[in-house]
Protein backbone atom coordinates (compact mmCIF):
# COMPACT_ATOMS: atom_id res chain seq x y z
CA MET A 1 76.05 -32.12 -47.02
CA LYS A 2 75.73 -34.02 -43.55
CA GLY A 3 72.91 -33.29 -41.32
CA LYS A 4 70.27 -33.40 -43.95
CA THR A 5 69.34 -33.70 -47.58
CA SER A 6 66.85 -32.31 -49.95
CA VAL A 7 64.66 -35.17 -51.75
CA LEU A 8 62.42 -34.18 -54.32
CA LEU A 9 59.21 -36.15 -53.82
CA LEU A 10 56.04 -35.86 -56.54
CA LEU A 11 52.69 -35.99 -54.58
CA CYS A 12 51.17 -36.70 -58.30
CA ALA A 13 53.08 -38.46 -61.26
CA ALA A 14 50.63 -36.13 -63.68
CA VAL A 15 51.88 -32.33 -61.79
CA CYS A 16 55.26 -33.30 -62.51
CA GLY A 17 57.59 -30.12 -63.13
CA SER A 18 54.56 -28.58 -61.36
CA SER A 19 56.24 -25.51 -59.35
CA LEU A 20 53.86 -26.28 -56.33
CA MET A 21 55.51 -29.54 -56.04
CA SER A 22 56.10 -30.76 -52.37
CA THR A 23 59.67 -31.53 -50.98
CA PHE A 24 60.80 -34.21 -47.82
CA VAL A 25 64.00 -32.95 -46.26
CA TYR A 26 65.65 -35.98 -44.75
CA HIS A 27 67.79 -35.46 -41.45
CA ASP A 28 70.30 -37.88 -40.54
CA LYS A 29 70.43 -36.80 -36.86
CA LYS A 30 69.04 -39.14 -34.48
CA LYS A 31 66.46 -38.09 -32.63
CA THR A 32 63.11 -39.31 -31.03
CA TRP A 33 60.07 -39.64 -32.87
CA ARG A 34 58.91 -36.41 -30.48
CA GLU A 35 62.20 -34.53 -30.40
CA ALA A 36 62.29 -35.04 -34.88
CA GLN A 37 58.50 -33.29 -34.63
CA SER A 38 59.97 -30.24 -32.99
CA ILE A 39 62.69 -30.17 -35.40
CA CYS A 40 60.45 -30.31 -38.08
CA ARG A 41 58.00 -27.97 -37.28
CA GLU A 42 60.94 -25.28 -35.99
CA LYS A 43 62.34 -25.62 -39.15
CA HIS A 44 59.62 -26.89 -42.13
CA THR A 45 56.10 -28.23 -41.90
CA ASP A 46 55.92 -31.27 -39.71
CA LEU A 47 57.06 -34.58 -40.21
CA ALA A 48 56.18 -36.05 -43.48
CA THR A 49 52.62 -37.05 -44.06
CA ILE A 50 52.77 -39.83 -47.15
CA ARG A 51 49.80 -39.98 -49.30
CA THR A 52 50.44 -41.87 -52.46
CA THR A 53 52.76 -44.77 -53.46
CA GLU A 54 55.00 -42.48 -55.75
CA GLN A 55 55.98 -40.56 -52.64
CA LEU A 56 58.22 -43.57 -51.04
CA GLU A 57 60.25 -43.91 -54.31
CA ASP A 58 62.77 -42.10 -52.44
CA THR A 59 62.87 -42.84 -48.95
CA SER A 60 65.52 -45.50 -49.54
CA HIS A 61 67.63 -44.22 -46.36
CA GLU A 62 68.26 -45.51 -42.95
CA ASP A 63 65.17 -46.41 -40.59
CA SER A 64 64.14 -42.85 -40.32
CA TRP A 65 61.05 -41.38 -38.46
CA ILE A 66 57.28 -40.16 -40.40
CA GLY A 67 54.82 -38.14 -39.24
CA LEU A 68 52.43 -41.32 -38.48
CA TYR A 69 51.27 -41.85 -35.16
CA GLN A 70 49.30 -43.34 -32.75
CA GLU A 71 47.29 -41.38 -29.12
CA ASN A 72 47.62 -44.67 -27.58
CA SER A 73 46.96 -48.14 -28.41
CA GLY A 74 44.10 -49.44 -30.36
CA SER A 75 43.35 -45.82 -31.62
CA GLU A 76 43.56 -44.68 -35.07
CA TRP A 77 47.18 -44.07 -37.15
CA LYS A 78 47.20 -40.53 -37.52
CA TRP A 79 49.37 -37.52 -39.37
CA SER A 80 51.33 -35.31 -37.35
CA GLY A 81 50.85 -32.54 -39.63
CA THR A 82 47.12 -32.71 -40.59
CA GLY A 83 45.65 -34.81 -37.64
CA GLU A 84 44.36 -36.77 -40.34
CA THR A 85 43.64 -40.47 -40.86
CA ALA A 86 45.91 -42.41 -42.64
CA ASN A 87 43.94 -43.54 -45.32
CA PHE A 88 46.85 -44.99 -47.79
CA THR A 89 49.43 -46.90 -45.60
CA ASN A 90 52.41 -49.74 -46.59
CA TRP A 91 52.86 -51.32 -43.42
CA ALA A 92 55.44 -54.41 -43.73
CA ASN A 93 54.11 -57.97 -43.33
CA THR A 94 53.45 -58.08 -39.36
CA GLU A 95 53.08 -54.82 -38.51
CA PRO A 96 51.95 -53.46 -36.97
CA ASN A 97 52.63 -55.48 -34.08
CA LYS A 98 53.06 -54.49 -30.90
CA ASP A 99 51.06 -52.06 -28.91
CA ASP A 100 53.68 -50.49 -27.17
CA GLU A 101 54.89 -49.51 -30.32
CA LEU A 102 53.41 -46.02 -31.24
CA CYS A 103 55.75 -44.41 -34.02
CA VAL A 104 56.48 -44.94 -37.18
CA ALA A 105 59.22 -45.37 -39.66
CA VAL A 106 60.07 -46.02 -43.07
CA ARG A 107 62.43 -49.43 -43.51
CA LYS A 108 65.59 -48.28 -44.88
CA ASP A 109 65.94 -51.83 -46.97
CA THR A 110 62.23 -52.30 -48.11
CA GLN A 111 61.12 -48.57 -47.86
CA LYS A 112 58.03 -50.13 -46.06
CA TRP A 113 56.20 -49.14 -42.58
CA ALA A 114 57.13 -50.27 -39.08
CA ASP A 115 55.82 -49.26 -35.97
CA PHE A 116 58.62 -48.30 -33.23
CA PRO A 117 58.58 -47.22 -29.68
CA CYS A 118 58.63 -43.52 -29.73
CA HIS A 119 61.66 -43.26 -27.86
CA THR A 120 64.05 -45.14 -30.08
CA LYS A 121 66.24 -43.12 -32.13
CA LEU A 122 66.22 -42.76 -35.68
CA ASP A 123 66.72 -40.20 -38.68
CA PHE A 124 63.60 -38.83 -39.68
CA PHE A 125 61.75 -37.15 -42.99
CA CYS A 126 60.65 -33.65 -42.60
CA ASP A 127 57.70 -32.18 -45.08
CA ASN A 128 58.73 -28.85 -46.69
CA GLU A 129 55.15 -27.79 -48.43
CA VAL A 130 55.00 -25.59 -50.64
CA LEU A 131 51.23 -25.70 -50.92
CA VAL A 132 49.12 -25.33 -47.62
CA LEU A 133 45.82 -26.00 -47.52
CA VAL A 134 44.22 -23.96 -44.35
CA LYS A 135 40.94 -25.41 -43.22
CA SER A 136 40.20 -22.63 -41.59
CA HIS A 137 36.42 -20.49 -43.05
CA GLN A 138 37.79 -16.76 -43.74
CA THR A 139 37.46 -14.15 -46.39
CA TRP A 140 39.62 -13.48 -48.86
CA ASP A 141 41.20 -10.21 -46.83
CA GLN A 142 41.15 -12.38 -43.77
CA ALA A 143 43.03 -15.76 -45.54
CA LEU A 144 45.87 -13.46 -47.38
CA ARG A 145 46.40 -11.92 -43.79
CA HIS A 146 46.77 -15.44 -42.25
CA CYS A 147 48.75 -16.61 -45.05
CA ARG A 148 51.35 -13.69 -44.55
CA LEU A 149 51.90 -14.05 -40.64
CA LEU A 150 52.53 -17.57 -40.93
CA GLU A 151 56.09 -17.21 -40.77
CA ALA A 152 58.59 -14.37 -41.46
CA HIS A 153 61.04 -14.56 -44.02
CA ASP A 154 64.00 -13.28 -42.55
CA PRO A 155 63.43 -14.83 -38.74
CA ASN A 156 65.68 -12.05 -36.89
CA ILE A 157 62.89 -9.70 -37.42
CA PRO A 158 59.38 -9.16 -36.62
CA VAL A 159 56.63 -10.77 -39.48
CA ASN A 160 55.39 -8.19 -41.59
CA LEU A 161 52.59 -7.50 -43.88
CA ARG A 162 54.30 -5.57 -46.38
CA TRP A 163 57.49 -7.41 -47.20
CA ASN A 164 58.90 -9.76 -44.32
CA TYR A 165 56.56 -12.61 -44.99
CA ARG A 166 57.29 -16.38 -46.32
CA TYR A 167 53.57 -17.71 -47.31
CA ASP A 168 51.31 -15.66 -49.59
CA LEU A 169 47.86 -16.58 -50.91
CA ALA A 170 48.65 -19.30 -53.74
CA THR A 171 49.47 -17.79 -57.13
CA VAL A 172 48.03 -20.77 -59.64
CA HIS A 173 49.44 -19.78 -62.89
CA THR A 174 49.98 -23.06 -65.13
CA ALA A 175 48.18 -25.83 -66.15
CA GLU A 176 50.51 -27.88 -64.01
CA ASP A 177 49.90 -25.64 -61.30
CA HIS A 178 46.20 -25.77 -61.41
CA ALA A 179 46.08 -29.71 -61.03
CA PHE A 180 48.45 -30.09 -58.27
CA ALA A 181 46.13 -27.35 -56.67
CA ARG A 182 43.03 -29.00 -57.14
CA LEU A 183 44.13 -32.17 -56.06
CA ARG A 184 45.00 -30.03 -52.37
CA ALA A 185 41.68 -28.69 -52.54
CA GLN A 186 39.81 -31.77 -51.99
CA GLU A 187 40.82 -32.29 -48.93
CA ALA A 188 38.75 -29.12 -48.27
CA THR A 189 35.57 -28.06 -45.90
CA THR A 190 34.67 -25.70 -48.34
CA ASP A 191 33.63 -26.47 -52.19
CA GLU A 192 35.62 -23.77 -53.00
CA VAL A 193 39.39 -23.04 -51.37
CA TRP A 194 40.36 -18.95 -52.05
CA THR A 195 43.71 -18.21 -54.35
CA GLY A 196 46.04 -14.95 -54.55
CA LEU A 197 43.76 -13.94 -57.23
CA ARG A 198 42.49 -10.07 -57.35
CA PHE A 199 41.43 -7.35 -59.46
CA LEU A 200 43.10 -4.19 -58.01
CA ALA A 201 44.11 -1.08 -60.56
CA GLY A 202 42.03 -1.91 -63.48
CA GLN A 203 43.55 -5.69 -64.10
CA TRP A 204 43.26 -8.81 -62.52
CA PHE A 205 46.63 -10.44 -61.29
CA TRP A 206 48.04 -12.65 -58.56
CA MET A 207 49.14 -11.34 -55.27
CA GLY A 208 52.59 -12.81 -55.96
CA ASN A 209 52.79 -9.84 -58.29
CA GLU A 210 52.35 -11.74 -61.63
CA ALA A 211 50.30 -10.92 -64.50
CA ALA A 212 47.26 -13.09 -64.92
CA ASP A 213 46.73 -14.75 -68.36
CA VAL A 214 43.75 -13.16 -69.54
CA GLU A 215 43.01 -16.52 -71.61
CA MET A 216 42.21 -18.39 -68.49
CA LYS A 217 39.71 -16.03 -67.48
CA CYS A 218 35.54 -17.27 -67.64
CA GLY A 219 32.79 -15.18 -66.39
CA TRP A 220 34.87 -12.71 -63.90
CA THR A 221 33.31 -9.48 -62.44
CA GLN A 222 35.95 -7.17 -61.15
CA SER A 223 34.10 -7.25 -57.42
CA SER A 224 35.18 -10.43 -57.07
CA CYS A 225 38.46 -12.54 -55.58
CA GLY A 226 39.77 -15.84 -57.58
CA VAL A 227 38.77 -19.15 -56.48
CA LEU A 228 39.64 -22.87 -57.25
CA ALA A 229 36.33 -25.28 -57.07
CA LYS A 230 37.29 -28.67 -55.93
CA ASN A 231 35.11 -30.03 -59.59
CA SER A 232 36.56 -27.20 -61.82
CA THR A 233 37.22 -27.15 -65.19
CA GLN A 234 41.00 -25.53 -66.34
CA CYS A 235 39.12 -22.38 -66.25
CA TYR A 236 39.82 -19.89 -62.91
CA GLU A 237 36.51 -18.66 -60.96
CA THR A 238 35.72 -16.01 -59.07
CA ALA A 239 33.19 -15.40 -55.66
CA ASP A 240 32.14 -12.53 -53.41
CA CYS A 241 35.57 -11.88 -51.38
CA ASN A 242 33.75 -11.61 -48.50
CA LYS A 243 32.45 -15.19 -48.48
CA LYS A 244 34.05 -17.52 -45.74
CA LEU A 245 36.44 -20.44 -47.61
CA ASN A 246 39.17 -22.37 -47.03
CA PHE A 247 42.21 -21.58 -49.03
CA LEU A 248 46.06 -22.29 -50.29
CA CYS A 249 49.18 -20.53 -49.10
CA ARG A 250 52.19 -20.80 -50.95
CA ARG A 251 55.62 -20.82 -49.41
CA LYS A 252 57.99 -18.46 -51.31
CA PRO A 253 61.38 -19.59 -52.15
């Protein structure tokens, strides 16, 4: 389809097949970096953040903007979507090479990165995150509300906590989901992150309405909410629902 193409990229080879994988969306419309950023934020999540070699494999389109930029010459290279300093880079030889080129694109022939003047008009990649880590300290109920108010499922109707919401606290249902979610949790500012696991009406279940797998529980109490610990085993854990933690929001289809 002219205009954009969805490109599935693995964030980690170990989670192949996970329902929580991120996608990049390729737009073949020439825009400045700021214009591309605005479109990505409106329609998706943000300009693409690339953290691993695996994510480079399917970026062989035209020269295309990604989310890497400098605020001014000599400052750190940061990602638009998270504000984090880039730890992984894939610069071409001699790049970055000009003080007035503050925005970064992937070169079509090599998938290497080059800096460009931000007013250059290029194609671009957007992040379409399925799993979003929110680095805000909130109780479980506050986290649930935060996720559901992120975006309306039907943009023509105001967001509604009961049904018209695009995001929910994350369901981490399979072993693959667990591995991927724990990878994302490494970036949290708390040792644990809230998930969508809750005990109501005599049973544990995910806020996405999936039943919890009894075999995966360990040491749960009925007064607690589900967390994922950075250094956890495959077993899910719980914490006092009033504890203030970072949390994972999951984007629904």
